[in-house]
């Protein structure tokens, strides 16, 4: 139960908020238009927002954030960057 609570209350990012908004919007439109197909489609987005899953629910396309900045990965520490002007 503790992990479910943590999953619901933490790690909210832009895509998760967008899925929640799209799901709520589609659910309201489905109820107003009495369209059950749109209501079922909204459940898909609401499920993704609540459980923080995407189309890749196994998170196989997840890459962990780098601890270093990308500019420092290409050179050794203390090494100066040399620039060559091209005309």
PDB file of N, CA and C in Angstrom:
ATOM      1  N   UNK A   1       0.824  -1.195   0.000  1.00  0.00           N
ATOM      2  CA  UNK A   1       0.000   0.000   0.000  1.00  0.00           C
ATOM      3  C   UNK A   1       0.866   1.256   0.000  1.00  0.00           C
ATOM      4  N   UNK A   2       2.011   1.180   0.657  1.00  0.00           N
ATOM      5  CA  UNK A   2       2.890   2.334   0.727  1.00  0.00           C
ATOM      6  C   UNK A   2       3.447   2.693  -0.647  1.00  0.00           C
ATOM      7  N   UNK A   3       3.769   1.706  -1.465  1.00  0.00           N
ATOM      8  CA  UNK A   3       4.306   2.000  -2.794  1.00  0.00           C
ATOM      9  C   UNK A   3       3.238   2.609  -3.697  1.00  0.00           C
ATOM     10  N   UNK A   4       1.988   2.201  -3.554  1.00  0.00           N
ATOM     11  CA  UNK A   4       0.907   2.790  -4.338  1.00  0.00           C
ATOM     12  C   UNK A   4       0.747   4.264  -3.984  1.00  0.00           C
ATOM     13  N   UNK A   5       0.814   4.574  -2.702  1.00  0.00           N
ATOM     14  CA  UNK A   5       0.706   5.962  -2.261  1.00  0.00           C
ATOM     15  C   UNK A   5       1.876   6.782  -2.785  1.00  0.00           C
ATOM     16  N   UNK A   6       3.083   6.218  -2.744  1.00  0.00           N
ATOM     17  CA  UNK A   6       4.258   6.920  -3.263  1.00  0.00           C
ATOM     18  C   UNK A   6       4.138   7.148  -4.763  1.00  0.00           C
ATOM     19  N   UNK A   7       3.653   6.158  -5.476  1.00  0.00           N
ATOM     20  CA  UNK A   7       3.527   6.278  -6.933  1.00  0.00           C
ATOM     21  C   UNK A   7       2.504   7.347  -7.316  1.00  0.00           C
ATOM     22  N   UNK A   8       1.425   7.467  -6.526  1.00  0.00           N
ATOM     23  CA  UNK A   8       0.398   8.456  -6.829  1.00  0.00           C
ATOM     24  C   UNK A   8       0.838   9.876  -6.485  1.00  0.00           C
ATOM     25  N   UNK A   9       1.617  10.040  -5.446  1.00  0.00           N
ATOM     26  CA  UNK A   9       1.914  11.377  -4.941  1.00  0.00           C
ATOM     27  C   UNK A   9       3.271  11.928  -5.359  1.00  0.00           C
ATOM     28  N   UNK A  10       4.138  11.116  -5.962  1.00  0.00           N
ATOM     29  CA  UNK A  10       5.469  11.603  -6.317  1.00  0.00           C
ATOM     30  C   UNK A  10       5.714  11.459  -7.815  1.00  0.00           C
ATOM     31  N   UNK A  11       6.790  12.099  -8.263  1.00  0.00           N
ATOM     32  CA  UNK A  11       7.278  11.999  -9.631  1.00  0.00           C
ATOM     33  C   UNK A  11       6.277  12.505 -10.667  1.00  0.00           C
ATOM     34  N   UNK A  12       5.635  13.640 -10.388  1.00  0.00           N
ATOM     35  CA  UNK A  12       4.739  14.248 -11.370  1.00  0.00           C
ATOM     36  C   UNK A  12       5.570  15.130 -12.288  1.00  0.00           C
ATOM     37  N   UNK A  13       5.525  14.845 -13.591  1.00  0.00           N
ATOM     38  CA  UNK A  13       6.251  15.606 -14.591  1.00  0.00           C
ATOM     39  C   UNK A  13       5.273  16.055 -15.657  1.00  0.00           C
ATOM     40  N   UNK A  14       5.771  16.783 -16.634  1.00  0.00           N
ATOM     41  CA  UNK A  14       4.906  17.404 -17.634  1.00  0.00           C
ATOM     42  C   UNK A  14       4.059  16.385 -18.391  1.00  0.00           C
ATOM     43  N   UNK A  15       4.644  15.280 -18.835  1.00  0.00           N
ATOM     44  CA  UNK A  15       3.878  14.293 -19.605  1.00  0.00           C
ATOM     45  C   UNK A  15       2.798  13.639 -18.755  1.00  0.00           C
ATOM     46  N   UNK A  16       3.079  13.431 -17.490  1.00  0.00           N
ATOM     47  CA  UNK A  16       2.080  12.809 -16.621  1.00  0.00           C
ATOM     48  C   UNK A  16       0.907  13.764 -16.399  1.00  0.00           C
ATOM     49  N   UNK A  17       1.195  15.049 -16.233  1.00  0.00           N
ATOM     50  CA  UNK A  17       0.135  16.048 -16.064  1.00  0.00           C
ATOM     51  C   UNK A  17      -0.666  16.182 -17.349  1.00  0.00           C
ATOM     52  N   UNK A  18       0.014  16.122 -18.504  1.00  0.00           N
ATOM     53  CA  UNK A  18      -0.699  16.208 -19.784  1.00  0.00           C
ATOM     54  C   UNK A  18      -1.614  15.005 -19.981  1.00  0.00           C
ATOM     55  N   UNK A  19      -1.149  13.808 -19.622  1.00  0.00           N
ATOM     56  CA  UNK A  19      -2.010  12.617 -19.744  1.00  0.00           C
ATOM     57  C   UNK A  19      -3.237  12.741 -18.857  1.00  0.00           C
ATOM     58  N   UNK A  20      -3.052  13.271 -17.653  1.00  0.00           N
ATOM     59  CA  UNK A  20      -4.180  13.461 -16.749  1.00  0.00           C
ATOM     60  C   UNK A  20      -5.165  14.461 -17.336  1.00  0.00           C
ATOM     61  N   UNK A  21      -4.652  15.564 -17.875  1.00  0.00           N
ATOM     62  CA  UNK A  21      -5.527  16.571 -18.478  1.00  0.00           C
ATOM     63  C   UNK A  21      -6.278  16.045 -19.686  1.00  0.00           C
ATOM     64  N   UNK A  22      -5.587  15.314 -20.545  1.00  0.00           N
ATOM     65  CA  UNK A  22      -6.243  14.734 -21.729  1.00  0.00           C
ATOM     66  C   UNK A  22      -7.294  13.717 -21.305  1.00  0.00           C
ATOM     67  N   UNK A  23      -6.963  12.903 -20.306  1.00  0.00           N
ATOM     68  CA  UNK A  23      -7.918  11.905 -19.833  1.00  0.00           C
ATOM     69  C   UNK A  23      -9.172  12.532 -19.257  1.00  0.00           C
ATOM     70  N   UNK A  24      -9.007  13.579 -18.462  1.00  0.00           N
ATOM     71  CA  UNK A  24     -10.177  14.259 -17.878  1.00  0.00           C
ATOM     72  C   UNK A  24     -10.994  14.931 -18.969  1.00  0.00           C
ATOM     73  N   UNK A  25     -10.306  15.576 -19.918  1.00  0.00           N
ATOM     74  CA  UNK A  25     -11.011  16.249 -21.011  1.00  0.00           C
ATOM     75  C   UNK A  25     -11.821  15.250 -21.846  1.00  0.00           C
ATOM     76  N   UNK A  26     -11.214  14.116 -22.186  1.00  0.00           N
ATOM     77  CA  UNK A  26     -11.928  13.113 -22.977  1.00  0.00           C
ATOM     78  C   UNK A  26     -13.079  12.491 -22.189  1.00  0.00           C
ATOM     79  N   UNK A  27     -12.890  12.312 -20.881  1.00  0.00           N
ATOM     80  CA  UNK A  27     -13.965  11.758 -20.061  1.00  0.00           C
ATOM     81  C   UNK A  27     -15.164  12.705 -20.014  1.00  0.00           C
ATOM     82  N   UNK A  28     -14.914  13.990 -19.832  1.00  0.00           N
ATOM     83  CA  UNK A  28     -16.003  14.978 -19.808  1.00  0.00           C
ATOM     84  C   UNK A  28     -16.702  15.039 -21.160  1.00  0.00           C
ATOM     85  N   UNK A  29     -15.922  15.024 -22.243  1.00  0.00           N
ATOM     86  CA  UNK A  29     -16.530  15.049 -23.580  1.00  0.00           C
ATOM     87  C   UNK A  29     -17.337  13.782 -23.840  1.00  0.00           C
ATOM     88  N   UNK A  30     -16.839  12.639 -23.364  1.00  0.00           N
ATOM     89  CA  UNK A  30     -17.575  11.391 -23.542  1.00  0.00           C
ATOM     90  C   UNK A  30     -18.891  11.385 -22.792  1.00  0.00           C
ATOM     91  N   UNK A  31     -18.891  11.954 -21.594  1.00  0.00           N
ATOM     92  CA  UNK A  31     -20.133  12.027 -20.811  1.00  0.00           C
ATOM     93  C   UNK A  31     -21.104  13.006 -21.458  1.00  0.00           C
ATOM     94  N   UNK A  32     -20.610  14.172 -21.892  1.00  0.00           N
ATOM     95  CA  UNK A  32     -21.489  15.173 -22.506  1.00  0.00           C
ATOM     96  C   UNK A  32     -22.107  14.663 -23.807  1.00  0.00           C
ATOM     97  N   UNK A  33     -21.324  13.966 -24.621  1.00  0.00           N
ATOM     98  CA  UNK A  33     -21.810  13.478 -25.911  1.00  0.00           C
ATOM     99  C   UNK A  33     -22.426  12.088 -25.823  1.00  0.00           C
ATOM    100  N   UNK A  34     -22.422  11.508 -24.626  1.00  0.00           N
ATOM    101  CA  UNK A  34     -22.929  10.147 -24.406  1.00  0.00           C
ATOM    102  C   UNK A  34     -22.253   9.162 -25.364  1.00  0.00           C
ATOM    103  N   UNK A  35     -20.926   9.299 -25.466  1.00  0.00           N
ATOM    104  CA  UNK A  35     -20.121   8.473 -26.353  1.00  0.00           C
ATOM    105  C   UNK A  35     -19.264   7.545 -25.493  1.00  0.00           C
ATOM    106  N   UNK A  36     -19.614   6.267 -25.439  1.00  0.00           N
ATOM    107  CA  UNK A  36     -18.916   5.332 -24.563  1.00  0.00           C
ATOM    108  C   UNK A  36     -17.506   5.032 -25.067  1.00  0.00           C
ATOM    109  N   UNK A  37     -17.286   5.105 -26.397  1.00  0.00           N
ATOM    110  CA  UNK A  37     -15.950   4.836 -26.943  1.00  0.00           C
ATOM    111  C   UNK A  37     -14.949   5.898 -26.481  1.00  0.00           C
ATOM    112  N   UNK A  38     -15.373   7.156 -26.474  1.00  0.00           N
ATOM    113  CA  UNK A  38     -14.482   8.216 -26.006  1.00  0.00           C
ATOM    114  C   UNK A  38     -14.243   8.074 -24.506  1.00  0.00           C
ATOM    115  N   UNK A  39     -15.246   7.613 -23.775  1.00  0.00           N
ATOM    116  CA  UNK A  39     -15.076   7.368 -22.345  1.00  0.00           C
ATOM    117  C   UNK A  39     -14.063   6.275 -22.077  1.00  0.00           C
ATOM    118  N   UNK A  40     -14.088   5.210 -22.874  1.00  0.00           N
ATOM    119  CA  UNK A  40     -13.106   4.142 -22.715  1.00  0.00           C
ATOM    120  C   UNK A  40     -11.707   4.609 -23.110  1.00  0.00           C
ATOM    121  N   UNK A  41     -11.621   5.451 -24.128  1.00  0.00           N
ATOM    122  CA  UNK A  41     -10.332   5.991 -24.541  1.00  0.00           C
ATOM    123  C   UNK A  41      -9.750   6.892 -23.456  1.00  0.00           C
ATOM    124  N   UNK A  42     -10.633   7.612 -22.749  1.00  0.00           N
ATOM    125  CA  UNK A  42     -10.158   8.465 -21.662  1.00  0.00           C
ATOM    126  C   UNK A  42      -9.614   7.631 -20.506  1.00  0.00           C
ATOM    127  N   UNK A  43     -10.157   6.447 -20.292  1.00  0.00           N
ATOM    128  CA  UNK A  43      -9.665   5.566 -19.228  1.00  0.00           C
ATOM    129  C   UNK A  43      -8.220   5.169 -19.501  1.00  0.00           C
ATOM    130  N   UNK A  44      -7.865   4.999 -20.764  1.00  0.00           N
ATOM    131  CA  UNK A  44      -6.494   4.678 -21.147  1.00  0.00           C
ATOM    132  C   UNK A  44      -5.537   5.777 -20.682  1.00  0.00           C
ATOM    133  N   UNK A  45      -5.871   7.047 -20.952  1.00  0.00           N
ATOM    134  CA  UNK A  45      -5.017   8.152 -20.537  1.00  0.00           C
ATOM    135  C   UNK A  45      -5.007   8.325 -19.022  1.00  0.00           C
ATOM    136  N   UNK A  46      -6.155   8.150 -18.382  1.00  0.00           N
ATOM    137  CA  UNK A  46      -6.202   8.271 -16.927  1.00  0.00           C
ATOM    138  C   UNK A  46      -5.382   7.175 -16.262  1.00  0.00           C
ATOM    139  N   UNK A  47      -5.423   5.963 -16.797  1.00  0.00           N
ATOM    140  CA  UNK A  47      -4.609   4.870 -16.258  1.00  0.00           C
ATOM    141  C   UNK A  47      -3.124   5.190 -16.376  1.00  0.00           C
ATOM    142  N   UNK A  48      -2.714   5.732 -17.535  1.00  0.00           N
ATOM    143  CA  UNK A  48      -1.314   6.090 -17.723  1.00  0.00           C
ATOM    144  C   UNK A  48      -0.888   7.176 -16.746  1.00  0.00           C
ATOM    145  N   UNK A  49      -1.758   8.151 -16.484  1.00  0.00           N
ATOM    146  CA  UNK A  49      -1.407   9.242 -15.578  1.00  0.00           C
ATOM    147  C   UNK A  49      -1.322   8.763 -14.135  1.00  0.00           C
ATOM    148  N   UNK A  50      -2.259   7.932 -13.724  1.00  0.00           N
ATOM    149  CA  UNK A  50      -2.286   7.484 -12.328  1.00  0.00           C
ATOM    150  C   UNK A  50      -1.129   6.540 -12.026  1.00  0.00           C
ATOM    151  N   UNK A  51      -0.830   5.627 -12.937  1.00  0.00           N
ATOM    152  CA  UNK A  51       0.214   4.639 -12.679  1.00  0.00           C
ATOM    153  C   UNK A  51       1.588   5.081 -13.173  1.00  0.00           C
ATOM    154  N   UNK A  52       1.668   6.238 -13.818  1.00  0.00           N
ATOM    155  CA  UNK A  52       2.915   6.772 -14.367  1.00  0.00           C
ATOM    156  C   UNK A  52       3.564   5.790 -15.339  1.00  0.00           C
ATOM    157  N   UNK A  53       2.761   5.265 -16.228  1.00  0.00           N
ATOM    158  CA  UNK A  53       3.265   4.417 -17.302  1.00  0.00           C
ATOM    159  C   UNK A  53       2.975   5.103 -18.623  1.00  0.00           C
ATOM    160  N   UNK A  54       3.744   4.757 -19.624  1.00  0.00           N
ATOM    161  CA  UNK A  54       3.513   5.296 -20.952  1.00  0.00           C
ATOM    162  C   UNK A  54       3.232   4.162 -21.904  1.00  0.00           C
ATOM    163  N   UNK A  55       3.421   4.404 -23.153  1.00  0.00           N
ATOM    164  CA  UNK A  55       3.233   3.345 -24.133  1.00  0.00           C
ATOM    165  C   UNK A  55       4.286   2.254 -23.937  1.00  0.00           C
ATOM    166  N   UNK A  56       5.441   2.637 -23.444  1.00  0.00           N
ATOM    167  CA  UNK A  56       6.484   1.666 -23.092  1.00  0.00           C
ATOM    168  C   UNK A  56       6.366   1.397 -21.598  1.00  0.00           C
ATOM    169  N   UNK A  57       5.394   0.629 -21.190  1.00  0.00           N
ATOM    170  CA  UNK A  57       5.150   0.452 -19.759  1.00  0.00           C
ATOM    171  C   UNK A  57       6.272  -0.307 -19.068  1.00  0.00           C
ATOM    172  N   UNK A  58       7.090  -1.030 -19.832  1.00  0.00           N
ATOM    173  CA  UNK A  58       8.219  -1.724 -19.217  1.00  0.00           C
ATOM    174  C   UNK A  58       9.385  -0.779 -18.982  1.00  0.00           C
ATOM    175  N   UNK A  59       9.263   0.453 -19.423  1.00  0.00           N
ATOM    176  CA  UNK A  59      10.280   1.487 -19.338  1.00  0.00           C
ATOM    177  C   UNK A  59      11.587   1.031 -19.979  1.00  0.00           C
ATOM    178  N   UNK A  60      11.471   0.321 -21.096  1.00  0.00           N
ATOM    179  CA  UNK A  60      12.639  -0.148 -21.819  1.00  0.00           C
ATOM    180  C   UNK A  60      13.359   1.009 -22.501  1.00  0.00           C
ATOM    181  N   UNK A  61      12.653   2.092 -22.761  1.00  0.00           N
ATOM    182  CA  UNK A  61      13.286   3.231 -23.419  1.00  0.00           C
ATOM    183  C   UNK A  61      13.740   4.279 -22.415  1.00  0.00           C
ATOM    184  N   UNK A  62      13.755   3.960 -21.144  1.00  0.00           N
ATOM    185  CA  UNK A  62      14.189   4.884 -20.100  1.00  0.00           C
ATOM    186  C   UNK A  62      15.705   4.976 -20.067  1.00  0.00           C
ATOM    187  N   UNK A  63      16.229   6.190 -20.018  1.00  0.00           N
ATOM    188  CA  UNK A  63      17.659   6.400 -19.843  1.00  0.00           C
ATOM    189  C   UNK A  63      17.857   7.222 -18.582  1.00  0.00           C
ATOM    190  N   UNK A  64      18.715   6.778 -17.680  1.00  0.00           N
ATOM    191  CA  UNK A  64      18.913   7.518 -16.440  1.00  0.00           C
ATOM    192  C   UNK A  64      19.601   8.849 -16.706  1.00  0.00           C
ATOM    193  N   UNK A  65      19.274   9.877 -15.933  1.00  0.00           N
ATOM    194  CA  UNK A  65      19.929  11.168 -16.149  1.00  0.00           C
ATOM    195  C   UNK A  65      21.410  11.101 -15.807  1.00  0.00           C
ATOM    196  N   UNK A  66      22.193  11.832 -16.561  1.00  0.00           N
ATOM    197  CA  UNK A  66      23.638  11.840 -16.371  1.00  0.00           C
ATOM    198  C   UNK A  66      23.997  12.665 -15.141  1.00  0.00           C
ATOM    199  N   UNK A  67      24.969  12.204 -14.396  1.00  0.00           N
ATOM    200  CA  UNK A  67      25.409  12.928 -13.210  1.00  0.00           C
ATOM    201  C   UNK A  67      26.260  14.124 -13.592  1.00  0.00           C
ATOM    202  N   UNK A  68      26.921  14.061 -14.739  1.00  0.00           N
ATOM    203  CA  UNK A  68      27.764  15.151 -15.206  1.00  0.00           C
ATOM    204  C   UNK A  68      27.055  15.914 -16.308  1.00  0.00           C
ATOM    205  N   UNK A  69      27.502  17.122 -16.543  1.00  0.00           N
ATOM    206  CA  UNK A  69      26.932  17.865 -17.654  1.00  0.00           C
ATOM    207  C   UNK A  69      27.493  17.320 -18.969  1.00  0.00           C
ATOM    208  N   UNK A  70      26.715  17.393 -20.046  1.00  0.00           N
ATOM    209  CA  UNK A  70      27.139  16.792 -21.318  1.00  0.00           C
ATOM    210  C   UNK A  70      28.426  17.388 -21.883  1.00  0.00           C
ATOM    211  N   UNK A  71      28.713  18.657 -21.589  1.00  0.00           N
ATOM    212  CA  UNK A  71      29.899  19.287 -22.150  1.00  0.00           C
ATOM    213  C   UNK A  71      31.174  18.696 -21.560  1.00  0.00           C
ATOM    214  N   UNK A  72      31.123  18.242 -20.310  1.00  0.00           N
ATOM    215  CA  UNK A  72      32.334  17.730 -19.676  1.00  0.00           C
ATOM    216  C   UNK A  72      32.592  16.261 -19.990  1.00  0.00           C
ATOM    217  N   UNK A  73      31.653  15.595 -20.626  1.00  0.00           N
ATOM    218  CA  UNK A  73      31.834  14.174 -20.933  1.00  0.00           C
ATOM    219  C   UNK A  73      32.835  13.956 -22.063  1.00  0.00           C
ATOM    220  N   UNK A  74      32.993  14.931 -22.937  1.00  0.00           N
ATOM    221  CA  UNK A  74      33.848  14.759 -24.103  1.00  0.00           C
ATOM    222  C   UNK A  74      35.304  15.124 -23.859  1.00  0.00           C
ATOM    223  N   UNK A  75      35.614  15.704 -22.724  1.00  0.00           N
ATOM    224  CA  UNK A  75      36.999  16.085 -22.473  1.00  0.00           C
ATOM    225  C   UNK A  75      37.392  15.709 -21.053  1.00  0.00           C
ATOM    226  N   UNK A  76      38.667  15.552 -20.853  1.00  0.00           N
ATOM    227  CA  UNK A  76      39.177  15.214 -19.526  1.00  0.00           C
ATOM    228  C   UNK A  76      39.147  16.467 -18.648  1.00  0.00           C
ATOM    229  N   UNK A  77      39.142  16.260 -17.356  1.00  0.00           N
ATOM    230  CA  UNK A  77      39.114  17.392 -16.439  1.00  0.00           C
ATOM    231  C   UNK A  77      40.406  18.189 -16.546  1.00  0.00           C
ATOM    232  N   UNK A  78      40.271  19.508 -16.545  1.00  0.00           N
ATOM    233  CA  UNK A  78      41.425  20.386 -16.616  1.00  0.00           C
ATOM    234  C   UNK A  78      41.934  20.606 -18.021  1.00  0.00           C
ATOM    235  N   UNK A  79      41.429  19.897 -19.000  1.00  0.00           N
ATOM    236  CA  UNK A  79      41.885  20.035 -20.380  1.00  0.00           C
ATOM    237  C   UNK A  79      41.182  21.219 -21.026  1.00  0.00           C
ATOM    238  N   UNK A  80      41.959  22.084 -21.659  1.00  0.00           N
ATOM    239  CA  UNK A  80      41.385  23.252 -22.326  1.00  0.00           C
ATOM    240  C   UNK A  80      40.809  22.840 -23.665  1.00  0.00           C
ATOM    241  N   UNK A  81      39.799  23.570 -24.073  1.00  0.00           N
ATOM    242  CA  UNK A  81      39.164  23.328 -25.361  1.00  0.00           C
ATOM    243  C   UNK A  81      39.844  24.197 -26.397  1.00  0.00           C
ATOM    244  N   UNK A  82      40.248  23.607 -27.502  1.00  0.00           N
ATOM    245  CA  UNK A  82      40.877  24.347 -28.588  1.00  0.00           C
ATOM    246  C   UNK A  82      39.876  24.515 -29.717  1.00  0.00           C
ATOM    247  N   UNK A  83      39.818  25.749 -30.241  1.00  0.00           N
ATOM    248  CA  UNK A  83      38.908  26.057 -31.322  1.00  0.00           C
ATOM    249  C   UNK A  83      39.720  26.402 -32.554  1.00  0.00           C
ATOM    250  N   UNK A  84      39.241  25.974 -33.704  1.00  0.00           N
ATOM    251  CA  UNK A  84      39.897  26.277 -34.963  1.00  0.00           C
ATOM    252  C   UNK A  84      38.904  27.011 -35.839  1.00  0.00           C
ATOM    253  N   UNK A  85      39.298  28.183 -36.324  1.00  0.00           N
ATOM    254  CA  UNK A  85      38.405  28.983 -37.152  1.00  0.00           C
ATOM    255  C   UNK A  85      38.443  28.478 -38.593  1.00  0.00           C
ATOM    256  N   UNK A  86      37.288  28.271 -39.146  1.00  0.00           N
ATOM    257  CA  UNK A  86      37.174  27.784 -40.513  1.00  0.00           C
ATOM    258  C   UNK A  86      36.532  28.867 -41.348  1.00  0.00           C
ATOM    259  N   UNK A  87      37.198  29.218 -42.455  1.00  0.00           N
ATOM    260  CA  UNK A  87      36.659  30.272 -43.322  1.00  0.00           C
ATOM    261  C   UNK A  87      36.170  29.711 -44.615  1.00  0.00           C
TER     262      UNK A  87
END
